[in-house]
């Protein structure tokens, strides 16, 4: 299976730039990223951007949830 590089925008300002680029399965529409004491949720709404000559799907931050214990 091939994977797709994506870009995450929005969410916490302290999320490092290297965590804003992920490789996901094709067709992925939602990302749940563990961060700190919770999860940051991102959604793909069809937007794309060019980074270093490569066109990437953009996932936009939609909410944060706490890790259940």
PDB file of N, CA and C in Angstrom:
ATOM      1  N   UNK A   1       0.849  -1.173   0.000  1.00  0.00           N
ATOM      2  CA  UNK A   1       0.000   0.000   0.000  1.00  0.00           C
ATOM      3  C   UNK A   1       0.899   1.242   0.000  1.00  0.00           C
ATOM      4  N   UNK A   2       0.577   2.207  -0.829  1.00  0.00           N
ATOM      5  CA  UNK A   2       1.323   3.459  -0.820  1.00  0.00           C
ATOM      6  C   UNK A   2       0.659   4.417   0.168  1.00  0.00           C
ATOM      7  N   UNK A   3       1.447   5.332   0.681  1.00  0.00           N
ATOM      8  CA  UNK A   3       0.944   6.309   1.639  1.00  0.00           C
ATOM      9  C   UNK A   3       1.061   7.708   1.064  1.00  0.00           C
ATOM     10  N   UNK A   4       0.339   8.655   1.668  1.00  0.00           N
ATOM     11  CA  UNK A   4       0.276  10.025   1.189  1.00  0.00           C
ATOM     12  C   UNK A   4       0.796  10.953   2.279  1.00  0.00           C
ATOM     13  N   UNK A   5       1.670  11.886   1.919  1.00  0.00           N
ATOM     14  CA  UNK A   5       2.134  12.896   2.870  1.00  0.00           C
ATOM     15  C   UNK A   5       1.079  13.988   2.946  1.00  0.00           C
ATOM     16  N   UNK A   6       0.755  14.430   4.174  1.00  0.00           N
ATOM     17  CA  UNK A   6      -0.256  15.469   4.381  1.00  0.00           C
ATOM     18  C   UNK A   6       0.298  16.547   5.304  1.00  0.00           C
ATOM     19  N   UNK A   7      -0.373  17.695   5.296  1.00  0.00           N
ATOM     20  CA  UNK A   7       0.009  18.827   6.143  1.00  0.00           C
ATOM     21  C   UNK A   7      -1.135  19.138   7.105  1.00  0.00           C
ATOM     22  N   UNK A   8      -0.802  19.385   8.375  1.00  0.00           N
ATOM     23  CA  UNK A   8      -1.782  19.749   9.392  1.00  0.00           C
ATOM     24  C   UNK A   8      -1.690  21.246   9.659  1.00  0.00           C
ATOM     25  N   UNK A   9      -2.842  21.933   9.694  1.00  0.00           N
ATOM     26  CA  UNK A   9      -2.840  23.355  10.028  1.00  0.00           C
ATOM     27  C   UNK A   9      -3.806  23.607  11.178  1.00  0.00           C
ATOM     28  N   UNK A  10      -3.531  24.668  11.925  1.00  0.00           N
ATOM     29  CA  UNK A  10      -4.363  25.021  13.068  1.00  0.00           C
ATOM     30  C   UNK A  10      -3.967  24.230  14.300  1.00  0.00           C
ATOM     31  N   UNK A  11      -4.786  24.312  15.327  1.00  0.00           N
ATOM     32  CA  UNK A  11      -4.491  23.603  16.571  1.00  0.00           C
ATOM     33  C   UNK A  11      -3.511  24.373  17.432  1.00  0.00           C
ATOM     34  N   UNK A  12      -2.861  23.670  18.352  1.00  0.00           N
ATOM     35  CA  UNK A  12      -1.984  24.345  19.307  1.00  0.00           C
ATOM     36  C   UNK A  12      -0.767  24.981  18.628  1.00  0.00           C
ATOM     37  N   UNK A  13      -0.452  26.197  19.046  1.00  0.00           N
ATOM     38  CA  UNK A  13       0.714  26.903  18.493  1.00  0.00           C
ATOM     39  C   UNK A  13       2.018  26.192  18.812  1.00  0.00           C
ATOM     40  N   UNK A  14       2.072  25.470  19.908  1.00  0.00           N
ATOM     41  CA  UNK A  14       3.307  24.806  20.324  1.00  0.00           C
ATOM     42  C   UNK A  14       3.513  23.438  19.659  1.00  0.00           C
ATOM     43  N   UNK A  15       2.632  23.056  18.726  1.00  0.00           N
ATOM     44  CA  UNK A  15       2.821  21.822  17.970  1.00  0.00           C
ATOM     45  C   UNK A  15       3.967  22.055  16.986  1.00  0.00           C
ATOM     46  N   UNK A  16       5.080  21.330  17.120  1.00  0.00           N
ATOM     47  CA  UNK A  16       6.255  21.584  16.274  1.00  0.00           C
ATOM     48  C   UNK A  16       5.969  21.355  14.789  1.00  0.00           C
ATOM     49  N   UNK A  17       6.674  22.086  13.958  1.00  0.00           N
ATOM     50  CA  UNK A  17       6.476  21.992  12.510  1.00  0.00           C
ATOM     51  C   UNK A  17       6.714  20.574  12.002  1.00  0.00           C
ATOM     52  N   UNK A  18       7.648  19.846  12.591  1.00  0.00           N
ATOM     53  CA  UNK A  18       7.902  18.477  12.131  1.00  0.00           C
ATOM     54  C   UNK A  18       6.733  17.538  12.428  1.00  0.00           C
ATOM     55  N   UNK A  19       5.874  17.878  13.376  1.00  0.00           N
ATOM     56  CA  UNK A  19       4.678  17.073  13.660  1.00  0.00           C
ATOM     57  C   UNK A  19       3.510  17.454  12.749  1.00  0.00           C
ATOM     58  N   UNK A  20       3.668  18.534  11.986  1.00  0.00           N
ATOM     59  CA  UNK A  20       2.600  19.006  11.109  1.00  0.00           C
ATOM     60  C   UNK A  20       2.630  18.351   9.733  1.00  0.00           C
ATOM     61  N   UNK A  21       3.577  17.458   9.528  1.00  0.00           N
ATOM     62  CA  UNK A  21       3.641  16.697   8.279  1.00  0.00           C
ATOM     63  C   UNK A  21       3.609  15.226   8.639  1.00  0.00           C
ATOM     64  N   UNK A  22       2.602  14.516   8.138  1.00  0.00           N
ATOM     65  CA  UNK A  22       2.411  13.104   8.439  1.00  0.00           C
ATOM     66  C   UNK A  22       2.259  12.319   7.144  1.00  0.00           C
ATOM     67  N   UNK A  23       2.436  11.022   7.243  1.00  0.00           N
ATOM     68  CA  UNK A  23       2.164  10.116   6.144  1.00  0.00           C
ATOM     69  C   UNK A  23       0.985   9.244   6.560  1.00  0.00           C
ATOM     70  N   UNK A  24      -0.064   9.256   5.737  1.00  0.00           N
ATOM     71  CA  UNK A  24      -1.295   8.535   6.075  1.00  0.00           C
ATOM     72  C   UNK A  24      -1.727   7.661   4.898  1.00  0.00           C
ATOM     73  N   UNK A  25      -2.655   6.756   5.154  1.00  0.00           N
ATOM     74  CA  UNK A  25      -3.217   5.904   4.104  1.00  0.00           C
ATOM     75  C   UNK A  25      -4.045   6.759   3.142  1.00  0.00           C
ATOM     76  N   UNK A  26      -4.029   6.434   1.859  1.00  0.00           N
ATOM     77  CA  UNK A  26      -4.859   7.167   0.898  1.00  0.00           C
ATOM     78  C   UNK A  26      -6.335   7.105   1.309  1.00  0.00           C
ATOM     79  N   UNK A  27      -7.046   8.193   1.094  1.00  0.00           N
ATOM     80  CA  UNK A  27      -8.467   8.238   1.424  1.00  0.00           C
ATOM     81  C   UNK A  27      -8.757   8.610   2.866  1.00  0.00           C
ATOM     82  N   UNK A  28      -7.727   8.774   3.677  1.00  0.00           N
ATOM     83  CA  UNK A  28      -7.899   9.182   5.079  1.00  0.00           C
ATOM     84  C   UNK A  28      -8.564  10.563   5.110  1.00  0.00           C
ATOM     85  N   UNK A  29      -9.611  10.711   5.910  1.00  0.00           N
ATOM     86  CA  UNK A  29     -10.314  11.991   6.008  1.00  0.00           C
ATOM     87  C   UNK A  29     -10.147  12.654   7.373  1.00  0.00           C
ATOM     88  N   UNK A  30      -9.839  11.855   8.408  1.00  0.00           N
ATOM     89  CA  UNK A  30      -9.677  12.386   9.769  1.00  0.00           C
ATOM     90  C   UNK A  30      -8.375  11.876  10.364  1.00  0.00           C
ATOM     91  N   UNK A  31      -7.732  12.733  11.154  1.00  0.00           N
ATOM     92  CA  UNK A  31      -6.509  12.360  11.862  1.00  0.00           C
ATOM     93  C   UNK A  31      -6.703  12.689  13.338  1.00  0.00           C
ATOM     94  N   UNK A  32      -6.343  11.740  14.187  1.00  0.00           N
ATOM     95  CA  UNK A  32      -6.407  11.902  15.642  1.00  0.00           C
ATOM     96  C   UNK A  32      -4.964  11.803  16.134  1.00  0.00           C
ATOM     97  N   UNK A  33      -4.353  12.948  16.425  1.00  0.00           N
ATOM     98  CA  UNK A  33      -2.940  13.029  16.762  1.00  0.00           C
ATOM     99  C   UNK A  33      -2.753  13.108  18.278  1.00  0.00           C
ATOM    100  N   UNK A  34      -2.098  12.116  18.903  1.00  0.00           N
ATOM    101  CA  UNK A  34      -1.819  12.220  20.335  1.00  0.00           C
ATOM    102  C   UNK A  34      -0.870  13.390  20.585  1.00  0.00           C
ATOM    103  N   UNK A  35      -1.234  14.250  21.533  1.00  0.00           N
ATOM    104  CA  UNK A  35      -0.383  15.402  21.842  1.00  0.00           C
ATOM    105  C   UNK A  35      -0.618  15.824  23.291  1.00  0.00           C
ATOM    106  N   UNK A  36       0.438  15.795  24.083  1.00  0.00           N
ATOM    107  CA  UNK A  36       0.317  16.169  25.487  1.00  0.00           C
ATOM    108  C   UNK A  36      -0.628  15.230  26.207  1.00  0.00           C
ATOM    109  N   UNK A  37      -1.607  15.784  26.893  1.00  0.00           N
ATOM    110  CA  UNK A  37      -2.553  14.975  27.661  1.00  0.00           C
ATOM    111  C   UNK A  37      -3.849  14.708  26.900  1.00  0.00           C
ATOM    112  N   UNK A  38      -3.806  14.843  25.578  1.00  0.00           N
ATOM    113  CA  UNK A  38      -5.020  14.632  24.805  1.00  0.00           C
ATOM    114  C   UNK A  38      -4.730  14.296  23.361  1.00  0.00           C
ATOM    115  N   UNK A  39      -5.737  14.485  22.551  1.00  0.00           N
ATOM    116  CA  UNK A  39      -5.642  14.250  21.113  1.00  0.00           C
ATOM    117  C   UNK A  39      -6.068  15.510  20.373  1.00  0.00           C
ATOM    118  N   UNK A  40      -5.345  15.832  19.318  1.00  0.00           N
ATOM    119  CA  UNK A  40      -5.730  16.914  18.423  1.00  0.00           C
ATOM    120  C   UNK A  40      -6.379  16.256  17.208  1.00  0.00           C
ATOM    121  N   UNK A  41      -7.544  16.748  16.825  1.00  0.00           N
ATOM    122  CA  UNK A  41      -8.297  16.163  15.713  1.00  0.00           C
ATOM    123  C   UNK A  41      -8.233  17.093  14.500  1.00  0.00           C
ATOM    124  N   UNK A  42      -7.941  16.515  13.348  1.00  0.00           N
ATOM    125  CA  UNK A  42      -7.828  17.256  12.098  1.00  0.00           C
ATOM    126  C   UNK A  42      -8.713  16.600  11.049  1.00  0.00           C
ATOM    127  N   UNK A  43      -9.276  17.415  10.152  1.00  0.00           N
ATOM    128  CA  UNK A  43     -10.199  16.936   9.132  1.00  0.00           C
ATOM    129  C   UNK A  43      -9.765  17.446   7.759  1.00  0.00           C
ATOM    130  N   UNK A  44      -9.840  16.572   6.754  1.00  0.00           N
ATOM    131  CA  UNK A  44      -9.541  16.983   5.380  1.00  0.00           C
ATOM    132  C   UNK A  44     -10.833  17.439   4.728  1.00  0.00           C
ATOM    133  N   UNK A  45     -10.818  18.671   4.229  1.00  0.00           N
ATOM    134  CA  UNK A  45     -12.019  19.247   3.600  1.00  0.00           C
ATOM    135  C   UNK A  45     -11.801  19.495   2.116  1.00  0.00           C
ATOM    136  N   UNK A  46     -10.841  18.784   1.531  1.00  0.00           N
ATOM    137  CA  UNK A  46     -10.601  18.912   0.103  1.00  0.00           C
ATOM    138  C   UNK A  46      -9.515  19.896  -0.274  1.00  0.00           C
ATOM    139  N   UNK A  47      -9.029  20.671   0.689  1.00  0.00           N
ATOM    140  CA  UNK A  47      -7.998  21.669   0.399  1.00  0.00           C
ATOM    141  C   UNK A  47      -6.648  20.996   0.156  1.00  0.00           C
ATOM    142  N   UNK A  48      -5.839  21.616  -0.701  1.00  0.00           N
ATOM    143  CA  UNK A  48      -4.486  21.131  -0.996  1.00  0.00           C
ATOM    144  C   UNK A  48      -3.559  22.348  -1.023  1.00  0.00           C
ATOM    145  N   UNK A  49      -2.267  22.103  -0.789  1.00  0.00           N
ATOM    146  CA  UNK A  49      -1.270  23.169  -0.842  1.00  0.00           C
ATOM    147  C   UNK A  49       0.021  22.620  -1.420  1.00  0.00           C
ATOM    148  N   UNK A  50       0.884  23.531  -1.890  1.00  0.00           N
ATOM    149  CA  UNK A  50       2.184  23.131  -2.430  1.00  0.00           C
ATOM    150  C   UNK A  50       3.266  23.425  -1.404  1.00  0.00           C
ATOM    151  N   UNK A  51       4.060  22.392  -1.100  1.00  0.00           N
ATOM    152  CA  UNK A  51       5.187  22.516  -0.175  1.00  0.00           C
ATOM    153  C   UNK A  51       6.393  21.869  -0.845  1.00  0.00           C
ATOM    154  N   UNK A  52       7.448  22.656  -1.030  1.00  0.00           N
ATOM    155  CA  UNK A  52       8.674  22.152  -1.674  1.00  0.00           C
ATOM    156  C   UNK A  52       8.380  21.464  -3.004  1.00  0.00           C
ATOM    157  N   UNK A  53       7.490  22.047  -3.781  1.00  0.00           N
ATOM    158  CA  UNK A  53       7.173  21.513  -5.096  1.00  0.00           C
ATOM    159  C   UNK A  53       6.241  20.308  -5.103  1.00  0.00           C
ATOM    160  N   UNK A  54       5.780  19.912  -3.944  1.00  0.00           N
ATOM    161  CA  UNK A  54       4.906  18.746  -3.836  1.00  0.00           C
ATOM    162  C   UNK A  54       3.513  19.204  -3.386  1.00  0.00           C
ATOM    163  N   UNK A  55       2.465  18.715  -4.057  1.00  0.00           N
ATOM    164  CA  UNK A  55       1.103  19.069  -3.671  1.00  0.00           C
ATOM    165  C   UNK A  55       0.628  18.128  -2.569  1.00  0.00           C
ATOM    166  N   UNK A  56       0.219  18.725  -1.429  1.00  0.00           N
ATOM    167  CA  UNK A  56      -0.181  17.941  -0.257  1.00  0.00           C
ATOM    168  C   UNK A  56      -1.623  18.234   0.134  1.00  0.00           C
ATOM    169  N   UNK A  57      -2.370  17.214   0.552  1.00  0.00           N
ATOM    170  CA  UNK A  57      -3.680  17.456   1.162  1.00  0.00           C
ATOM    171  C   UNK A  57      -3.483  18.202   2.495  1.00  0.00           C
ATOM    172  N   UNK A  58      -4.393  19.124   2.781  1.00  0.00           N
ATOM    173  CA  UNK A  58      -4.342  19.905   4.025  1.00  0.00           C
ATOM    174  C   UNK A  58      -5.435  19.405   4.962  1.00  0.00           C
ATOM    175  N   UNK A  59      -5.047  19.087   6.189  1.00  0.00           N
ATOM    176  CA  UNK A  59      -5.985  18.699   7.235  1.00  0.00           C
ATOM    177  C   UNK A  59      -6.056  19.852   8.236  1.00  0.00           C
ATOM    178  N   UNK A  60      -7.261  20.320   8.506  1.00  0.00           N
ATOM    179  CA  UNK A  60      -7.485  21.471   9.374  1.00  0.00           C
ATOM    180  C   UNK A  60      -7.925  21.011  10.760  1.00  0.00           C
ATOM    181  N   UNK A  61      -7.358  21.649  11.789  1.00  0.00           N
ATOM    182  CA  UNK A  61      -7.694  21.326  13.174  1.00  0.00           C
ATOM    183  C   UNK A  61      -9.168  21.597  13.425  1.00  0.00           C
ATOM    184  N   UNK A  62      -9.846  20.644  14.103  1.00  0.00           N
ATOM    185  CA  UNK A  62     -11.277  20.854  14.409  1.00  0.00           C
ATOM    186  C   UNK A  62     -11.582  20.808  15.898  1.00  0.00           C
ATOM    187  N   UNK A  63     -10.774  20.066  16.700  1.00  0.00           N
ATOM    188  CA  UNK A  63     -11.046  20.005  18.138  1.00  0.00           C
ATOM    189  C   UNK A  63      -9.947  19.247  18.880  1.00  0.00           C
ATOM    190  N   UNK A  64     -10.000  19.344  20.188  1.00  0.00           N
ATOM    191  CA  UNK A  64      -9.111  18.608  21.075  1.00  0.00           C
ATOM    192  C   UNK A  64      -9.962  17.775  22.020  1.00  0.00           C
ATOM    193  N   UNK A  65      -9.526  16.544  22.296  1.00  0.00           N
ATOM    194  CA  UNK A  65     -10.201  15.717  23.290  1.00  0.00           C
ATOM    195  C   UNK A  65      -9.168  15.208  24.301  1.00  0.00           C
ATOM    196  N   UNK A  66      -9.630  14.879  25.486  1.00  0.00           N
ATOM    197  CA  UNK A  66      -8.755  14.371  26.546  1.00  0.00           C
ATOM    198  C   UNK A  66      -8.566  12.869  26.374  1.00  0.00           C
ATOM    199  N   UNK A  67      -7.423  12.381  26.841  1.00  0.00           N
ATOM    200  CA  UNK A  67      -7.166  10.948  26.840  1.00  0.00           C
ATOM    201  C   UNK A  67      -7.977  10.344  27.979  1.00  0.00           C
ATOM    202  N   UNK A  68      -8.790   9.331  27.676  1.00  0.00           N
ATOM    203  CA  UNK A  68      -9.598   8.665  28.701  1.00  0.00           C
ATOM    204  C   UNK A  68      -8.713   7.751  29.531  1.00  0.00           C
ATOM    205  N   UNK A  69      -8.959   7.737  30.812  1.00  0.00           N
ATOM    206  CA  UNK A  69      -8.151   6.858  31.699  1.00  0.00           C
ATOM    207  C   UNK A  69      -8.993   5.760  32.271  1.00  0.00           C
TER     208      UNK A  69
END
